[in-house]
């Protein structure tokens, strides 16, 4: 007996969602970040910025699946500033734009139910996956040995992620956001290594 047409469509939607989750899992894994960091030794720094922009967009899409185009505009703005080397603008543009634009866009699109929580969640993920992650390619572009600093930051982030995974309380908090545990340690370590350099 053949499955009915609506069941086939529902099954294909589930398969597409599962494929997207597998792609996000692979792209956001700490080992992928380590592979990108090692590749930064031989690849042009602008190419590394483009790769991290793609990782940032995947992470943002995974965290905010129903978001429209506006958070991805912030990805473009931030990583263009990184590629150009405008470090002072890189440090201030996205936090300012996100703080002003996210509530305004939510109100204009009539997403006013639970406005404070919605805006806070979006701001958190934009700051983590766009702003903080942009320091990884900026670390490569800052100096000649920036690629080694990125490898050190990635290894430190992997160790931090392993320790966080062993902590029961952190594991319980991050259970709802699986991508958060994979990429968040690098998002925390990259700015620290950038300013320590």
C-alpha atoms as a PDB file:
ATOM      1  CA  UNK A   1       0.000   0.000   0.000  1.00  0.00           C
ATOM      2  CA  UNK A   2       1.395   3.366  -1.035  1.00  0.00           C
ATOM      3  CA  UNK A   3       1.507   6.241   1.488  1.00  0.00           C
ATOM      4  CA  UNK A   4      -0.941   9.036   0.910  1.00  0.00           C
ATOM      5  CA  UNK A   5       0.222  12.315  -0.630  1.00  0.00           C
ATOM      6  CA  UNK A   6       0.125  14.442   2.584  1.00  0.00           C
ATOM      7  CA  UNK A   7       2.175  11.827   4.440  1.00  0.00           C
ATOM      8  CA  UNK A   8       4.842  11.912   1.697  1.00  0.00           C
ATOM      9  CA  UNK A   9       5.043  15.722   1.926  1.00  0.00           C
ATOM     10  CA  UNK A  10       5.262  15.603   5.733  1.00  0.00           C
ATOM     11  CA  UNK A  11       8.003  12.968   5.532  1.00  0.00           C
ATOM     12  CA  UNK A  12       9.999  15.054   3.044  1.00  0.00           C
ATOM     13  CA  UNK A  13       9.743  18.084   5.353  1.00  0.00           C
ATOM     14  CA  UNK A  14      11.060  16.027   8.258  1.00  0.00           C
ATOM     15  CA  UNK A  15      13.917  14.718   6.079  1.00  0.00           C
ATOM     16  CA  UNK A  16      14.827  18.257   4.975  1.00  0.00           C
ATOM     17  CA  UNK A  17      14.818  19.453   8.602  1.00  0.00           C
ATOM     18  CA  UNK A  18      16.988  16.496   9.639  1.00  0.00           C
ATOM     19  CA  UNK A  19      19.447  17.232   6.819  1.00  0.00           C
ATOM     20  CA  UNK A  20      19.655  20.878   7.908  1.00  0.00           C
ATOM     21  CA  UNK A  21      20.336  19.802  11.507  1.00  0.00           C
ATOM     22  CA  UNK A  22      23.114  17.460  10.331  1.00  0.00           C
ATOM     23  CA  UNK A  23      24.650  20.257   8.259  1.00  0.00           C
ATOM     24  CA  UNK A  24      24.488  22.633  11.229  1.00  0.00           C
ATOM     25  CA  UNK A  25      25.974  19.972  13.503  1.00  0.00           C
ATOM     26  CA  UNK A  26      28.919  19.459  11.148  1.00  0.00           C
ATOM     27  CA  UNK A  27      29.500  23.167  10.476  1.00  0.00           C
ATOM     28  CA  UNK A  28      29.220  24.163  14.134  1.00  0.00           C
ATOM     29  CA  UNK A  29      31.333  21.353  15.580  1.00  0.00           C
ATOM     30  CA  UNK A  30      34.503  22.331  17.428  1.00  0.00           C
ATOM     31  CA  UNK A  31      36.514  20.082  15.126  1.00  0.00           C
ATOM     32  CA  UNK A  32      35.332  22.049  12.101  1.00  0.00           C
ATOM     33  CA  UNK A  33      36.451  25.218  13.870  1.00  0.00           C
ATOM     34  CA  UNK A  34      39.853  23.598  14.483  1.00  0.00           C
ATOM     35  CA  UNK A  35      40.089  22.610  10.801  1.00  0.00           C
ATOM     36  CA  UNK A  36      39.320  26.207   9.786  1.00  0.00           C
ATOM     37  CA  UNK A  37      41.916  27.476  12.254  1.00  0.00           C
ATOM     38  CA  UNK A  38      44.552  25.135  10.826  1.00  0.00           C
ATOM     39  CA  UNK A  39      43.564  26.141   7.288  1.00  0.00           C
ATOM     40  CA  UNK A  40      44.152  29.771   8.259  1.00  0.00           C
ATOM     41  CA  UNK A  41      47.877  29.003   8.228  1.00  0.00           C
ATOM     42  CA  UNK A  42      47.867  28.601   4.445  1.00  0.00           C
ATOM     43  CA  UNK A  43      44.683  30.305   3.199  1.00  0.00           C
ATOM     44  CA  UNK A  44      44.196  34.022   2.604  1.00  0.00           C
ATOM     45  CA  UNK A  45      42.806  35.879   5.639  1.00  0.00           C
ATOM     46  CA  UNK A  46      39.890  37.273   3.604  1.00  0.00           C
ATOM     47  CA  UNK A  47      38.866  33.725   2.677  1.00  0.00           C
ATOM     48  CA  UNK A  48      38.947  32.797   6.360  1.00  0.00           C
ATOM     49  CA  UNK A  49      36.674  35.794   7.085  1.00  0.00           C
ATOM     50  CA  UNK A  50      34.234  34.552   4.429  1.00  0.00           C
ATOM     51  CA  UNK A  51      34.248  31.044   5.894  1.00  0.00           C
ATOM     52  CA  UNK A  52      33.591  32.395   9.389  1.00  0.00           C
ATOM     53  CA  UNK A  53      30.797  34.589   7.984  1.00  0.00           C
ATOM     54  CA  UNK A  54      29.166  31.431   6.618  1.00  0.00           C
ATOM     55  CA  UNK A  55      29.619  29.671   9.968  1.00  0.00           C
ATOM     56  CA  UNK A  56      28.110  32.699  11.691  1.00  0.00           C
ATOM     57  CA  UNK A  57      25.106  32.670   9.347  1.00  0.00           C
ATOM     58  CA  UNK A  58      24.533  28.932   9.908  1.00  0.00           C
ATOM     59  CA  UNK A  59      24.781  29.369  13.681  1.00  0.00           C
ATOM     60  CA  UNK A  60      22.396  32.323  13.617  1.00  0.00           C
ATOM     61  CA  UNK A  61      19.930  30.426  11.448  1.00  0.00           C
ATOM     62  CA  UNK A  62      20.119  27.458  13.813  1.00  0.00           C
ATOM     63  CA  UNK A  63      19.500  29.657  16.867  1.00  0.00           C
ATOM     64  CA  UNK A  64      16.787  31.807  15.255  1.00  0.00           C
ATOM     65  CA  UNK A  65      15.130  29.514  12.683  1.00  0.00           C
ATOM     66  CA  UNK A  66      12.095  31.738  12.100  1.00  0.00           C
ATOM     67  CA  UNK A  67      14.102  34.927  11.696  1.00  0.00           C
ATOM     68  CA  UNK A  68      13.782  37.000   8.585  1.00  0.00           C
ATOM     69  CA  UNK A  69      16.654  38.536   6.643  1.00  0.00           C
ATOM     70  CA  UNK A  70      17.611  41.242   9.194  1.00  0.00           C
ATOM     71  CA  UNK A  71      20.078  39.250  11.362  1.00  0.00           C
ATOM     72  CA  UNK A  72      21.959  38.119   8.284  1.00  0.00           C
ATOM     73  CA  UNK A  73      22.436  41.755   7.282  1.00  0.00           C
ATOM     74  CA  UNK A  74      24.325  42.151  10.564  1.00  0.00           C
ATOM     75  CA  UNK A  75      26.521  39.176   9.580  1.00  0.00           C
ATOM     76  CA  UNK A  76      27.409  40.910   6.323  1.00  0.00           C
ATOM     77  CA  UNK A  77      28.124  44.255   8.033  1.00  0.00           C
ATOM     78  CA  UNK A  78      30.313  42.720  10.737  1.00  0.00           C
ATOM     79  CA  UNK A  79      32.387  40.487   8.488  1.00  0.00           C
ATOM     80  CA  UNK A  80      32.896  43.196   5.866  1.00  0.00           C
ATOM     81  CA  UNK A  81      34.320  45.358   8.661  1.00  0.00           C
ATOM     82  CA  UNK A  82      36.563  42.448   9.656  1.00  0.00           C
ATOM     83  CA  UNK A  83      37.747  41.883   6.074  1.00  0.00           C
ATOM     84  CA  UNK A  84      38.492  45.588   5.615  1.00  0.00           C
ATOM     85  CA  UNK A  85      40.403  45.670   8.898  1.00  0.00           C
ATOM     86  CA  UNK A  86      38.318  48.384  10.565  1.00  0.00           C
ATOM     87  CA  UNK A  87      38.806  47.094  14.108  1.00  0.00           C
ATOM     88  CA  UNK A  88      37.357  50.126  15.907  1.00  0.00           C
ATOM     89  CA  UNK A  89      34.169  50.014  13.821  1.00  0.00           C
ATOM     90  CA  UNK A  90      34.069  46.237  14.186  1.00  0.00           C
ATOM     91  CA  UNK A  91      33.991  46.641  17.955  1.00  0.00           C
ATOM     92  CA  UNK A  92      31.087  49.098  17.985  1.00  0.00           C
ATOM     93  CA  UNK A  93      28.932  48.831  14.860  1.00  0.00           C
ATOM     94  CA  UNK A  94      27.023  45.578  15.403  1.00  0.00           C
ATOM     95  CA  UNK A  95      26.322  46.073  19.124  1.00  0.00           C
ATOM     96  CA  UNK A  96      24.934  49.530  18.386  1.00  0.00           C
ATOM     97  CA  UNK A  97      22.987  48.450  15.313  1.00  0.00           C
ATOM     98  CA  UNK A  98      21.571  45.396  17.085  1.00  0.00           C
ATOM     99  CA  UNK A  99      20.567  47.362  20.183  1.00  0.00           C
ATOM    100  CA  UNK A 100      18.734  49.957  18.097  1.00  0.00           C
ATOM    101  CA  UNK A 101      17.405  47.900  15.213  1.00  0.00           C
ATOM    102  CA  UNK A 102      16.217  44.669  16.843  1.00  0.00           C
ATOM    103  CA  UNK A 103      13.438  46.226  18.959  1.00  0.00           C
ATOM    104  CA  UNK A 104      12.476  48.593  16.144  1.00  0.00           C
ATOM    105  CA  UNK A 105      12.178  45.756  13.631  1.00  0.00           C
ATOM    106  CA  UNK A 106      10.184  43.661  16.109  1.00  0.00           C
ATOM    107  CA  UNK A 107       7.722  46.497  16.624  1.00  0.00           C
ATOM    108  CA  UNK A 108       7.465  47.270  12.891  1.00  0.00           C
ATOM    109  CA  UNK A 109       6.757  43.620  12.095  1.00  0.00           C
ATOM    110  CA  UNK A 110       4.146  43.529  14.898  1.00  0.00           C
ATOM    111  CA  UNK A 111       5.986  40.951  16.985  1.00  0.00           C
ATOM    112  CA  UNK A 112       5.014  42.736  20.181  1.00  0.00           C
ATOM    113  CA  UNK A 113       3.861  39.706  22.178  1.00  0.00           C
ATOM    114  CA  UNK A 114       6.576  39.161  24.787  1.00  0.00           C
ATOM    115  CA  UNK A 115       8.681  41.882  23.154  1.00  0.00           C
ATOM    116  CA  UNK A 116      11.379  42.097  25.828  1.00  0.00           C
ATOM    117  CA  UNK A 117      12.131  38.377  25.815  1.00  0.00           C
ATOM    118  CA  UNK A 118      12.091  38.142  22.022  1.00  0.00           C
ATOM    119  CA  UNK A 119      14.468  41.093  21.639  1.00  0.00           C
ATOM    120  CA  UNK A 120      16.759  39.866  24.413  1.00  0.00           C
ATOM    121  CA  UNK A 121      17.010  36.401  22.854  1.00  0.00           C
ATOM    122  CA  UNK A 122      17.752  37.823  19.403  1.00  0.00           C
ATOM    123  CA  UNK A 123      20.307  40.281  20.800  1.00  0.00           C
ATOM    124  CA  UNK A 124      22.063  37.504  22.731  1.00  0.00           C
ATOM    125  CA  UNK A 125      22.454  35.295  19.665  1.00  0.00           C
ATOM    126  CA  UNK A 126      23.506  38.186  17.414  1.00  0.00           C
ATOM    127  CA  UNK A 127      26.148  39.225  19.916  1.00  0.00           C
ATOM    128  CA  UNK A 128      27.381  35.660  20.371  1.00  0.00           C
ATOM    129  CA  UNK A 129      27.277  34.283  16.838  1.00  0.00           C
ATOM    130  CA  UNK A 130      27.973  37.459  14.860  1.00  0.00           C
ATOM    131  CA  UNK A 131      29.910  39.862  17.072  1.00  0.00           C
ATOM    132  CA  UNK A 132      32.011  37.497  19.193  1.00  0.00           C
ATOM    133  CA  UNK A 133      32.664  34.973  16.426  1.00  0.00           C
ATOM    134  CA  UNK A 134      33.913  37.744  14.124  1.00  0.00           C
ATOM    135  CA  UNK A 135      36.958  38.085  16.360  1.00  0.00           C
ATOM    136  CA  UNK A 136      38.253  34.707  15.117  1.00  0.00           C
ATOM    137  CA  UNK A 137      39.089  35.921  11.579  1.00  0.00           C
ATOM    138  CA  UNK A 138      40.084  39.316  13.007  1.00  0.00           C
ATOM    139  CA  UNK A 139      42.648  37.465  15.090  1.00  0.00           C
ATOM    140  CA  UNK A 140      44.151  36.040  11.886  1.00  0.00           C
ATOM    141  CA  UNK A 141      44.213  39.457  10.207  1.00  0.00           C
ATOM    142  CA  UNK A 142      45.646  41.359  13.161  1.00  0.00           C
ATOM    143  CA  UNK A 143      49.230  40.130  12.941  1.00  0.00           C
ATOM    144  CA  UNK A 144      51.474  37.725  11.103  1.00  0.00           C
ATOM    145  CA  UNK A 145      51.188  35.006  13.715  1.00  0.00           C
ATOM    146  CA  UNK A 146      47.437  35.466  14.187  1.00  0.00           C
ATOM    147  CA  UNK A 147      46.729  32.034  12.685  1.00  0.00           C
ATOM    148  CA  UNK A 148      48.694  30.394  15.503  1.00  0.00           C
ATOM    149  CA  UNK A 149      46.753  32.482  18.016  1.00  0.00           C
ATOM    150  CA  UNK A 150      43.510  31.290  16.411  1.00  0.00           C
ATOM    151  CA  UNK A 151      44.645  27.664  16.691  1.00  0.00           C
ATOM    152  CA  UNK A 152      45.494  28.235  20.370  1.00  0.00           C
ATOM    153  CA  UNK A 153      42.127  29.919  20.977  1.00  0.00           C
ATOM    154  CA  UNK A 154      40.310  27.050  19.248  1.00  0.00           C
ATOM    155  CA  UNK A 155      42.143  24.393  21.259  1.00  0.00           C
ATOM    156  CA  UNK A 156      41.445  26.339  24.449  1.00  0.00           C
ATOM    157  CA  UNK A 157      37.782  26.596  23.410  1.00  0.00           C
ATOM    158  CA  UNK A 158      37.588  22.835  22.783  1.00  0.00           C
ATOM    159  CA  UNK A 159      39.002  22.174  26.257  1.00  0.00           C
ATOM    160  CA  UNK A 160      36.562  24.683  27.735  1.00  0.00           C
ATOM    161  CA  UNK A 161      33.683  22.987  25.889  1.00  0.00           C
ATOM    162  CA  UNK A 162      34.707  19.576  27.215  1.00  0.00           C
ATOM    163  CA  UNK A 163      34.795  20.945  30.757  1.00  0.00           C
ATOM    164  CA  UNK A 164      31.432  22.655  30.295  1.00  0.00           C
ATOM    165  CA  UNK A 165      29.942  19.430  28.979  1.00  0.00           C
ATOM    166  CA  UNK A 166      31.053  17.650  32.150  1.00  0.00           C
ATOM    167  CA  UNK A 167      29.241  20.172  34.337  1.00  0.00           C
ATOM    168  CA  UNK A 168      25.711  18.976  34.971  1.00  0.00           C
ATOM    169  CA  UNK A 169      24.173  22.422  35.438  1.00  0.00           C
ATOM    170  CA  UNK A 170      25.653  23.874  32.245  1.00  0.00           C
ATOM    171  CA  UNK A 171      24.665  20.759  30.304  1.00  0.00           C
ATOM    172  CA  UNK A 172      21.068  21.149  31.503  1.00  0.00           C
ATOM    173  CA  UNK A 173      20.949  24.820  30.493  1.00  0.00           C
ATOM    174  CA  UNK A 174      22.465  24.168  27.080  1.00  0.00           C
ATOM    175  CA  UNK A 175      20.288  21.133  26.310  1.00  0.00           C
ATOM    176  CA  UNK A 176      17.753  23.380  24.603  1.00  0.00           C
ATOM    177  CA  UNK A 177      20.455  24.972  22.395  1.00  0.00           C
ATOM    178  CA  UNK A 178      22.719  22.186  21.086  1.00  0.00           C
ATOM    179  CA  UNK A 179      24.726  24.490  18.814  1.00  0.00           C
ATOM    180  CA  UNK A 180      25.506  26.757  21.742  1.00  0.00           C
ATOM    181  CA  UNK A 181      27.814  24.296  23.466  1.00  0.00           C
ATOM    182  CA  UNK A 182      29.665  23.544  20.242  1.00  0.00           C
ATOM    183  CA  UNK A 183      30.560  27.083  19.176  1.00  0.00           C
ATOM    184  CA  UNK A 184      30.087  29.267  22.273  1.00  0.00           C
ATOM    185  CA  UNK A 185      33.519  28.520  23.800  1.00  0.00           C
ATOM    186  CA  UNK A 186      35.243  29.818  20.655  1.00  0.00           C
ATOM    187  CA  UNK A 187      32.966  32.866  20.696  1.00  0.00           C
ATOM    188  CA  UNK A 188      34.173  33.552  24.236  1.00  0.00           C
ATOM    189  CA  UNK A 189      37.869  32.813  23.611  1.00  0.00           C
ATOM    190  CA  UNK A 190      38.374  34.658  20.311  1.00  0.00           C
ATOM    191  CA  UNK A 191      37.769  38.194  21.692  1.00  0.00           C
ATOM    192  CA  UNK A 192      39.911  37.425  24.735  1.00  0.00           C
ATOM    193  CA  UNK A 193      42.824  36.283  22.573  1.00  0.00           C
ATOM    194  CA  UNK A 194      42.285  39.226  20.173  1.00  0.00           C
ATOM    195  CA  UNK A 195      42.679  41.822  22.906  1.00  0.00           C
ATOM    196  CA  UNK A 196      45.419  39.891  24.718  1.00  0.00           C
ATOM    197  CA  UNK A 197      47.578  39.900  21.573  1.00  0.00           C
END
